[in-house]
Amino acid sequence: MIPRPGLSDPRYVSELLFQPRRLACGGCGAVADWKPEVQGAGLVGAVLGGSEDPFFQRPLWLQTRCAGHILWAYNEEHVEELSAYVRARLRERGGVQSTMAMFARLPAWMKVSDNRAEVLAGLETLRALTERTAPADRSDAAHGRSDRPRAHRSMYFRGGPYES
């Protein structure tokens, strides 16, 4: 899943949630496009979080059962960031990083030191899954559950009526 080809780079990172996307499967050749919904003068973007892709609502590839919950990640970089955070014995708030907001929103079960070893083992499982692409390699936890939090959807206003 990538931003649709031919689009200009967004000025702000937050605009990525509103940028049209294209899903292309190298295995079966399936192709799908996503664009944000228009509501008046604003766009309704994707909502991050949960075990489904925020744009196409397909189950994420990187999922595994861990400490009685589902541990998931979007990609290998996400796995690395989570591993570094969980592994840290002292979690200091350093300089501003694009991933800092993610750590504040992690569920409590991932942050508890009693679960550290199990969460790190789960993240190793996810890291191993990044190398595999065959459907038979998919984790048994990777199936649609529609468990994404949808308390509110992101809106983007640029002033005046929105024109596509």
N, C-alpha and C. Protein backbone atom coordinates (compact mmCIF):
# COMPACT_ATOMS: atom_id res chain seq x y z
N MET A 1 0.84 -1.16 0.00
CA MET A 1 0.00 0.00 0.00
C MET A 1 0.89 1.23 0.00
N ILE A 2 0.72 2.08 -0.96
CA ILE A 2 1.56 3.27 -1.11
C ILE A 2 0.70 4.48 -1.45
N PRO A 3 1.24 5.71 -1.23
CA PRO A 3 0.51 6.88 -1.74
C PRO A 3 0.38 6.74 -3.25
N ARG A 4 -0.73 7.19 -3.79
CA ARG A 4 -0.93 7.07 -5.23
C ARG A 4 0.18 7.76 -5.98
N PRO A 5 0.71 7.11 -7.01
CA PRO A 5 1.80 7.71 -7.80
C PRO A 5 1.37 9.03 -8.44
N GLY A 6 2.32 9.92 -8.60
CA GLY A 6 2.08 11.19 -9.29
C GLY A 6 1.61 12.32 -8.39
N LEU A 7 1.47 12.10 -7.11
CA LEU A 7 1.02 13.14 -6.19
C LEU A 7 2.23 13.90 -5.65
N SER A 8 2.02 15.16 -5.34
CA SER A 8 3.10 15.95 -4.76
C SER A 8 3.31 15.53 -3.31
N ASP A 9 4.52 15.75 -2.79
CA ASP A 9 4.82 15.41 -1.40
C ASP A 9 4.01 16.30 -0.46
N PRO A 10 3.50 15.72 0.63
CA PRO A 10 2.72 16.54 1.59
C PRO A 10 3.64 17.51 2.32
N ARG A 11 3.09 18.67 2.69
CA ARG A 11 3.86 19.66 3.44
C ARG A 11 4.01 19.24 4.90
N TYR A 12 3.01 18.57 5.44
CA TYR A 12 3.01 18.18 6.85
C TYR A 12 2.79 16.67 6.94
N VAL A 13 3.38 16.05 7.95
CA VAL A 13 3.24 14.61 8.15
C VAL A 13 1.78 14.23 8.32
N SER A 14 1.00 15.07 8.99
CA SER A 14 -0.41 14.76 9.24
C SER A 14 -1.22 14.63 7.95
N GLU A 15 -0.74 15.24 6.87
CA GLU A 15 -1.45 15.15 5.59
C GLU A 15 -1.41 13.75 5.00
N LEU A 16 -0.52 12.90 5.49
CA LEU A 16 -0.44 11.53 4.98
C LEU A 16 -1.72 10.75 5.21
N LEU A 17 -2.49 11.11 6.25
CA LEU A 17 -3.75 10.42 6.53
C LEU A 17 -4.85 10.79 5.55
N PHE A 18 -4.61 11.78 4.72
CA PHE A 18 -5.61 12.27 3.78
C PHE A 18 -5.17 12.09 2.33
N GLN A 19 -3.98 11.56 2.12
CA GLN A 19 -3.43 11.41 0.78
C GLN A 19 -4.00 10.14 0.13
N PRO A 20 -4.49 10.23 -1.11
CA PRO A 20 -5.02 9.04 -1.78
C PRO A 20 -3.98 7.91 -1.80
N ARG A 21 -4.46 6.68 -1.70
CA ARG A 21 -3.59 5.50 -1.63
C ARG A 21 -3.94 4.50 -2.71
N ARG A 22 -2.97 3.65 -3.02
CA ARG A 22 -3.19 2.55 -3.94
C ARG A 22 -2.70 1.28 -3.29
N LEU A 23 -3.52 0.25 -3.36
CA LEU A 23 -3.18 -1.07 -2.86
C LEU A 23 -2.93 -1.94 -4.08
N ALA A 24 -1.77 -2.56 -4.16
CA ALA A 24 -1.44 -3.46 -5.27
C ALA A 24 -0.81 -4.72 -4.70
N CYS A 25 -1.39 -5.86 -5.02
CA CYS A 25 -0.88 -7.14 -4.53
C CYS A 25 -0.04 -7.78 -5.61
N GLY A 26 1.23 -8.03 -5.29
CA GLY A 26 2.13 -8.68 -6.23
C GLY A 26 1.80 -10.16 -6.42
N GLY A 27 1.09 -10.74 -5.45
CA GLY A 27 0.76 -12.16 -5.52
C GLY A 27 -0.43 -12.45 -6.43
N CYS A 28 -1.53 -11.74 -6.24
CA CYS A 28 -2.74 -12.04 -7.00
C CYS A 28 -3.07 -10.96 -8.04
N GLY A 29 -2.39 -9.82 -7.98
CA GLY A 29 -2.63 -8.77 -8.95
C GLY A 29 -3.80 -7.85 -8.61
N ALA A 30 -4.37 -8.00 -7.44
CA ALA A 30 -5.50 -7.15 -7.04
C ALA A 30 -5.03 -5.71 -6.88
N VAL A 31 -5.86 -4.77 -7.33
CA VAL A 31 -5.55 -3.35 -7.23
C VAL A 31 -6.78 -2.64 -6.68
N ALA A 32 -6.57 -1.70 -5.74
CA ALA A 32 -7.66 -0.90 -5.19
C ALA A 32 -7.15 0.50 -4.92
N ASP A 33 -8.02 1.48 -5.04
CA ASP A 33 -7.67 2.86 -4.75
C ASP A 33 -8.51 3.35 -3.58
N TRP A 34 -7.93 4.25 -2.78
CA TRP A 34 -8.63 4.87 -1.66
C TRP A 34 -8.42 6.37 -1.76
N LYS A 35 -9.48 7.11 -1.51
CA LYS A 35 -9.34 8.56 -1.39
C LYS A 35 -10.22 9.01 -0.23
N PRO A 36 -9.83 10.11 0.42
CA PRO A 36 -10.59 10.55 1.60
C PRO A 36 -11.99 11.00 1.22
N GLU A 37 -12.90 10.80 2.13
CA GLU A 37 -14.28 11.23 1.96
C GLU A 37 -14.34 12.75 2.12
N VAL A 38 -15.15 13.41 1.31
CA VAL A 38 -15.32 14.86 1.40
C VAL A 38 -16.58 15.15 2.20
N GLN A 39 -16.44 16.00 3.24
CA GLN A 39 -17.60 16.45 4.02
C GLN A 39 -17.54 17.96 4.10
N GLY A 40 -18.35 18.60 3.31
CA GLY A 40 -18.36 20.06 3.30
C GLY A 40 -17.01 20.61 2.89
N ALA A 41 -16.39 21.40 3.78
CA ALA A 41 -15.11 22.03 3.47
C ALA A 41 -13.93 21.18 3.96
N GLY A 42 -14.18 19.95 4.35
CA GLY A 42 -13.10 19.13 4.90
C GLY A 42 -13.01 17.76 4.29
N LEU A 43 -11.90 17.12 4.56
CA LEU A 43 -11.68 15.74 4.16
C LEU A 43 -11.70 14.86 5.40
N VAL A 44 -12.26 13.68 5.28
CA VAL A 44 -12.25 12.72 6.37
C VAL A 44 -11.16 11.71 6.05
N GLY A 45 -10.15 11.65 6.90
CA GLY A 45 -8.99 10.80 6.65
C GLY A 45 -9.06 9.48 7.36
N ALA A 46 -7.98 8.73 7.23
CA ALA A 46 -7.84 7.43 7.85
C ALA A 46 -7.60 7.59 9.35
N VAL A 47 -7.95 6.55 10.11
CA VAL A 47 -7.73 6.52 11.54
C VAL A 47 -6.71 5.43 11.83
N LEU A 48 -5.60 5.82 12.43
CA LEU A 48 -4.55 4.85 12.75
C LEU A 48 -4.91 4.07 13.99
N GLY A 49 -4.37 2.87 14.09
CA GLY A 49 -4.57 2.04 15.27
C GLY A 49 -5.42 0.83 14.96
N GLY A 50 -5.18 -0.23 15.67
CA GLY A 50 -5.92 -1.46 15.45
C GLY A 50 -5.19 -2.39 14.51
N SER A 51 -5.71 -3.58 14.38
CA SER A 51 -5.03 -4.62 13.62
C SER A 51 -5.42 -4.66 12.15
N GLU A 52 -6.03 -3.60 11.67
CA GLU A 52 -6.37 -3.50 10.25
C GLU A 52 -5.66 -2.31 9.63
N ASP A 53 -5.45 -2.41 8.33
CA ASP A 53 -4.89 -1.30 7.57
C ASP A 53 -5.84 -0.10 7.68
N PRO A 54 -5.32 1.10 7.98
CA PRO A 54 -6.22 2.24 8.20
C PRO A 54 -6.93 2.74 6.95
N PHE A 55 -6.49 2.37 5.77
CA PHE A 55 -7.10 2.87 4.54
C PHE A 55 -8.07 1.86 3.92
N PHE A 56 -7.66 0.61 3.81
CA PHE A 56 -8.46 -0.40 3.11
C PHE A 56 -9.13 -1.40 4.05
N GLN A 57 -8.91 -1.27 5.37
CA GLN A 57 -9.50 -2.13 6.39
C GLN A 57 -9.21 -3.61 6.14
N ARG A 58 -8.05 -3.91 5.62
CA ARG A 58 -7.60 -5.29 5.46
C ARG A 58 -6.75 -5.67 6.67
N PRO A 59 -6.76 -6.93 7.11
CA PRO A 59 -5.95 -7.32 8.27
C PRO A 59 -4.47 -7.09 8.01
N LEU A 60 -3.76 -6.61 9.01
CA LEU A 60 -2.33 -6.40 8.87
C LEU A 60 -1.61 -7.74 8.81
N TRP A 61 -0.53 -7.80 8.06
CA TRP A 61 0.28 -9.00 7.93
C TRP A 61 1.01 -9.30 9.25
N LEU A 62 1.50 -8.27 9.89
CA LEU A 62 2.32 -8.43 11.09
C LEU A 62 1.44 -8.43 12.34
N GLN A 63 0.98 -9.61 12.73
CA GLN A 63 0.17 -9.78 13.92
C GLN A 63 0.55 -11.10 14.60
N THR A 64 0.47 -11.12 15.91
CA THR A 64 0.67 -12.36 16.66
C THR A 64 -0.02 -12.22 18.01
N ARG A 65 -0.31 -13.35 18.61
CA ARG A 65 -0.91 -13.35 19.94
C ARG A 65 0.19 -13.14 20.96
N CYS A 66 -0.08 -12.31 21.97
CA CYS A 66 0.94 -11.97 22.95
C CYS A 66 0.28 -11.50 24.24
N ALA A 67 0.61 -12.13 25.35
CA ALA A 67 0.10 -11.74 26.68
C ALA A 67 -1.42 -11.62 26.71
N GLY A 68 -2.09 -12.52 25.99
CA GLY A 68 -3.55 -12.51 25.96
C GLY A 68 -4.15 -11.44 25.07
N HIS A 69 -3.34 -10.80 24.25
CA HIS A 69 -3.80 -9.74 23.34
C HIS A 69 -3.22 -9.98 21.96
N ILE A 70 -3.59 -9.11 21.03
CA ILE A 70 -3.01 -9.16 19.69
C ILE A 70 -1.95 -8.07 19.60
N LEU A 71 -0.73 -8.48 19.28
CA LEU A 71 0.38 -7.55 19.07
C LEU A 71 0.51 -7.37 17.57
N TRP A 72 0.52 -6.14 17.10
CA TRP A 72 0.58 -5.88 15.67
C TRP A 72 1.54 -4.74 15.39
N ALA A 73 1.97 -4.66 14.13
CA ALA A 73 2.83 -3.57 13.66
C ALA A 73 2.56 -3.35 12.18
N TYR A 74 2.84 -2.14 11.72
CA TYR A 74 2.63 -1.81 10.31
C TYR A 74 3.75 -2.31 9.42
N ASN A 75 5.00 -2.22 9.90
CA ASN A 75 6.15 -2.59 9.08
C ASN A 75 7.35 -2.88 9.98
N GLU A 76 8.48 -3.20 9.36
CA GLU A 76 9.68 -3.55 10.12
C GLU A 76 10.18 -2.39 10.97
N GLU A 77 10.09 -1.16 10.45
CA GLU A 77 10.51 0.01 11.22
C GLU A 77 9.66 0.17 12.49
N HIS A 78 8.36 -0.09 12.35
CA HIS A 78 7.45 -0.01 13.50
C HIS A 78 7.85 -1.06 14.55
N VAL A 79 8.19 -2.27 14.10
CA VAL A 79 8.63 -3.33 15.01
C VAL A 79 9.89 -2.89 15.75
N GLU A 80 10.84 -2.28 15.03
CA GLU A 80 12.10 -1.84 15.64
C GLU A 80 11.86 -0.76 16.71
N GLU A 81 11.00 0.19 16.42
CA GLU A 81 10.69 1.26 17.38
C GLU A 81 10.03 0.70 18.64
N LEU A 82 9.08 -0.22 18.43
CA LEU A 82 8.41 -0.83 19.58
C LEU A 82 9.41 -1.65 20.41
N SER A 83 10.28 -2.38 19.74
CA SER A 83 11.28 -3.19 20.45
C SER A 83 12.20 -2.32 21.30
N ALA A 84 12.66 -1.24 20.72
CA ALA A 84 13.55 -0.34 21.46
C ALA A 84 12.85 0.23 22.69
N TYR A 85 11.59 0.58 22.55
CA TYR A 85 10.83 1.16 23.66
C TYR A 85 10.61 0.12 24.77
N VAL A 86 10.14 -1.06 24.37
CA VAL A 86 9.83 -2.10 25.36
C VAL A 86 11.11 -2.58 26.05
N ARG A 87 12.20 -2.68 25.31
CA ARG A 87 13.48 -3.15 25.84
C ARG A 87 14.08 -2.17 26.86
N ALA A 88 13.79 -0.90 26.70
CA ALA A 88 14.40 0.13 27.56
C ALA A 88 14.00 -0.06 29.02
N ARG A 89 14.98 -0.04 29.90
CA ARG A 89 14.72 -0.16 31.34
C ARG A 89 14.28 1.19 31.91
N LEU A 90 14.79 2.26 31.33
CA LEU A 90 14.43 3.61 31.75
C LEU A 90 13.89 4.33 30.52
N ARG A 91 12.64 4.71 30.57
CA ARG A 91 11.99 5.33 29.41
C ARG A 91 11.92 6.83 29.62
N GLU A 92 12.91 7.52 29.10
CA GLU A 92 12.99 8.97 29.25
C GLU A 92 12.29 9.65 28.09
N ARG A 93 11.80 10.82 28.36
CA ARG A 93 11.21 11.64 27.30
C ARG A 93 12.30 12.56 26.76
N GLY A 94 12.87 12.16 25.65
CA GLY A 94 13.97 12.92 25.06
C GLY A 94 13.45 14.01 24.14
N GLY A 95 14.20 14.26 23.07
CA GLY A 95 13.82 15.27 22.08
C GLY A 95 12.57 14.85 21.33
N VAL A 96 12.06 15.74 20.54
CA VAL A 96 10.84 15.49 19.78
C VAL A 96 11.16 14.54 18.63
N GLN A 97 10.44 13.44 18.58
CA GLN A 97 10.56 12.47 17.50
C GLN A 97 9.17 12.21 16.95
N SER A 98 9.12 11.78 15.70
CA SER A 98 7.82 11.54 15.09
C SER A 98 7.09 10.37 15.74
N THR A 99 7.82 9.50 16.44
CA THR A 99 7.18 8.33 17.05
C THR A 99 6.82 8.53 18.51
N MET A 100 7.15 9.65 19.11
CA MET A 100 6.90 9.85 20.54
C MET A 100 5.42 9.74 20.90
N ALA A 101 4.53 10.23 20.08
CA ALA A 101 3.10 10.16 20.37
C ALA A 101 2.62 8.72 20.39
N MET A 102 3.25 7.86 19.61
CA MET A 102 2.87 6.45 19.57
C MET A 102 3.08 5.80 20.93
N PHE A 103 4.17 6.10 21.61
CA PHE A 103 4.48 5.45 22.88
C PHE A 103 3.48 5.83 23.96
N ALA A 104 3.01 7.04 23.97
CA ALA A 104 2.03 7.46 24.97
C ALA A 104 0.70 6.73 24.79
N ARG A 105 0.43 6.26 23.57
CA ARG A 105 -0.84 5.60 23.28
C ARG A 105 -0.76 4.07 23.34
N LEU A 106 0.39 3.52 23.65
CA LEU A 106 0.51 2.07 23.72
C LEU A 106 -0.36 1.54 24.85
N PRO A 107 -0.94 0.36 24.66
CA PRO A 107 -1.77 -0.20 25.74
C PRO A 107 -0.91 -0.54 26.96
N ALA A 108 -1.52 -0.51 28.13
CA ALA A 108 -0.80 -0.72 29.38
C ALA A 108 -0.12 -2.09 29.42
N TRP A 109 -0.74 -3.12 28.84
CA TRP A 109 -0.15 -4.45 28.90
C TRP A 109 1.21 -4.51 28.20
N MET A 110 1.45 -3.63 27.22
CA MET A 110 2.75 -3.61 26.54
C MET A 110 3.81 -2.89 27.37
N LYS A 111 3.40 -2.00 28.24
CA LYS A 111 4.33 -1.19 29.01
C LYS A 111 4.72 -1.82 30.35
N VAL A 112 3.93 -2.78 30.82
CA VAL A 112 4.17 -3.40 32.12
C VAL A 112 5.44 -4.24 32.07
N SER A 113 6.32 -4.05 33.06
CA SER A 113 7.60 -4.78 33.06
C SER A 113 7.39 -6.29 33.19
N ASP A 114 6.31 -6.75 33.81
CA ASP A 114 6.04 -8.18 33.92
C ASP A 114 5.85 -8.84 32.55
N ASN A 115 5.40 -8.07 31.56
CA ASN A 115 5.16 -8.60 30.22
C ASN A 115 6.33 -8.36 29.27
N ARG A 116 7.40 -7.72 29.74
CA ARG A 116 8.51 -7.32 28.85
C ARG A 116 9.03 -8.49 28.03
N ALA A 117 9.35 -9.61 28.66
CA ALA A 117 9.93 -10.75 27.94
C ALA A 117 8.96 -11.30 26.90
N GLU A 118 7.68 -11.41 27.26
CA GLU A 118 6.68 -11.93 26.33
C GLU A 118 6.45 -10.98 25.16
N VAL A 119 6.41 -9.68 25.43
CA VAL A 119 6.22 -8.70 24.35
C VAL A 119 7.44 -8.69 23.43
N LEU A 120 8.64 -8.76 23.98
CA LEU A 120 9.84 -8.80 23.14
C LEU A 120 9.87 -10.07 22.28
N ALA A 121 9.41 -11.20 22.84
CA ALA A 121 9.32 -12.43 22.05
C ALA A 121 8.30 -12.27 20.92
N GLY A 122 7.17 -11.63 21.23
CA GLY A 122 6.17 -11.37 20.19
C GLY A 122 6.70 -10.46 19.10
N LEU A 123 7.48 -9.45 19.49
CA LEU A 123 8.06 -8.56 18.49
C LEU A 123 9.09 -9.29 17.63
N GLU A 124 9.79 -10.26 18.20
CA GLU A 124 10.71 -11.10 17.40
C GLU A 124 9.93 -11.92 16.39
N THR A 125 8.76 -12.41 16.79
CA THR A 125 7.90 -13.15 15.87
C THR A 125 7.48 -12.24 14.72
N LEU A 126 7.11 -10.99 15.03
CA LEU A 126 6.73 -10.04 13.98
C LEU A 126 7.91 -9.74 13.07
N ARG A 127 9.09 -9.60 13.66
CA ARG A 127 10.29 -9.33 12.86
C ARG A 127 10.53 -10.48 11.87
N ALA A 128 10.33 -11.72 12.33
CA ALA A 128 10.49 -12.88 11.44
C ALA A 128 9.44 -12.87 10.34
N LEU A 129 8.22 -12.42 10.65
CA LEU A 129 7.15 -12.36 9.64
C LEU A 129 7.46 -11.35 8.54
N THR A 130 8.29 -10.33 8.84
CA THR A 130 8.60 -9.34 7.80
C THR A 130 9.37 -9.97 6.64
N GLU A 131 10.02 -11.11 6.89
CA GLU A 131 10.80 -11.80 5.85
C GLU A 131 9.94 -12.71 4.99
N ARG A 132 8.76 -13.05 5.44
CA ARG A 132 7.93 -14.03 4.74
C ARG A 132 6.80 -13.33 3.98
N THR A 133 6.43 -13.91 2.85
CA THR A 133 5.36 -13.31 2.06
C THR A 133 4.31 -14.32 1.59
N ALA A 134 4.52 -15.61 1.83
CA ALA A 134 3.56 -16.62 1.38
C ALA A 134 2.31 -16.60 2.27
N PRO A 135 1.12 -16.75 1.68
CA PRO A 135 -0.10 -16.76 2.49
C PRO A 135 -0.07 -17.81 3.60
N ALA A 136 0.59 -18.93 3.38
CA ALA A 136 0.67 -19.97 4.40
C ALA A 136 1.49 -19.52 5.61
N ASP A 137 2.33 -18.51 5.43
CA ASP A 137 3.17 -17.99 6.51
C ASP A 137 2.43 -17.02 7.41
N ARG A 138 1.22 -16.66 7.05
CA ARG A 138 0.46 -15.67 7.81
C ARG A 138 0.16 -16.19 9.22
N SER A 139 0.29 -15.32 10.19
CA SER A 139 0.00 -15.67 11.57
C SER A 139 -1.48 -16.02 11.73
N ASP A 140 -1.77 -16.95 12.64
CA ASP A 140 -3.18 -17.28 12.89
C ASP A 140 -3.94 -16.11 13.50
N ALA A 141 -3.21 -15.14 14.03
CA ALA A 141 -3.84 -13.96 14.62
C ALA A 141 -4.24 -12.94 13.56
N ALA A 142 -3.73 -13.09 12.34
CA ALA A 142 -3.96 -12.10 11.29
C ALA A 142 -5.26 -12.40 10.53
N HIS A 143 -6.34 -11.99 11.08
CA HIS A 143 -7.64 -12.11 10.42
C HIS A 143 -8.47 -10.89 10.80
N GLY A 144 -9.45 -10.58 10.01
CA GLY A 144 -10.26 -9.38 10.24
C GLY A 144 -11.07 -9.48 11.51
N ARG A 145 -11.01 -8.46 12.34
CA ARG A 145 -11.80 -8.41 13.56
C ARG A 145 -12.53 -7.08 13.71
N SER A 146 -12.21 -6.13 12.88
CA SER A 146 -12.81 -4.80 12.97
C SER A 146 -12.69 -4.24 14.38
N ASP A 147 -11.48 -4.36 14.97
CA ASP A 147 -11.29 -3.90 16.34
C ASP A 147 -10.65 -2.52 16.40
N ARG A 148 -10.62 -1.81 15.29
CA ARG A 148 -10.01 -0.49 15.27
C ARG A 148 -10.83 0.50 16.07
N PRO A 149 -10.19 1.30 16.89
CA PRO A 149 -10.94 2.32 17.62
C PRO A 149 -11.43 3.40 16.66
N ARG A 150 -12.70 3.70 16.70
CA ARG A 150 -13.24 4.72 15.80
C ARG A 150 -14.08 5.73 16.57
N ALA A 151 -13.51 6.24 17.65
CA ALA A 151 -14.23 7.24 18.44
C ALA A 151 -14.51 8.48 17.60
N HIS A 152 -13.55 8.87 16.77
CA HIS A 152 -13.74 9.99 15.86
C HIS A 152 -12.81 9.80 14.67
N ARG A 153 -13.17 10.43 13.57
CA ARG A 153 -12.33 10.34 12.39
C ARG A 153 -11.62 11.66 12.20
N SER A 154 -10.44 11.59 11.63
CA SER A 154 -9.64 12.79 11.42
C SER A 154 -10.27 13.66 10.34
N MET A 155 -10.24 14.97 10.54
CA MET A 155 -10.74 15.92 9.54
C MET A 155 -9.62 16.88 9.16
N TYR A 156 -9.60 17.25 7.89
CA TYR A 156 -8.60 18.18 7.38
C TYR A 156 -9.34 19.32 6.69
N PHE A 157 -9.17 20.55 7.19
CA PHE A 157 -9.81 21.72 6.61
C PHE A 157 -8.74 22.61 6.02
N ARG A 158 -8.96 23.08 4.81
CA ARG A 158 -8.00 24.00 4.23
C ARG A 158 -8.63 25.35 3.93
N GLY A 159 -9.88 25.54 4.31
CA GLY A 159 -10.57 26.81 4.09
C GLY A 159 -11.32 26.79 2.76
N GLY A 160 -12.55 27.24 2.75
CA GLY A 160 -13.35 27.25 1.55
C GLY A 160 -13.85 25.85 1.21
N PRO A 161 -14.69 25.73 0.18
CA PRO A 161 -15.20 24.41 -0.19
C PRO A 161 -14.07 23.54 -0.74
N TYR A 162 -14.13 22.25 -0.42
CA TYR A 162 -13.06 21.35 -0.86
C TYR A 162 -13.34 20.89 -2.27
N GLU A 163 -12.38 21.01 -3.12
CA GLU A 163 -12.50 20.58 -4.51
C GLU A 163 -11.52 19.44 -4.74
N SER A 164 -11.99 18.38 -5.36
CA SER A 164 -11.09 17.25 -5.60
C SER A 164 -10.37 17.36 -6.92
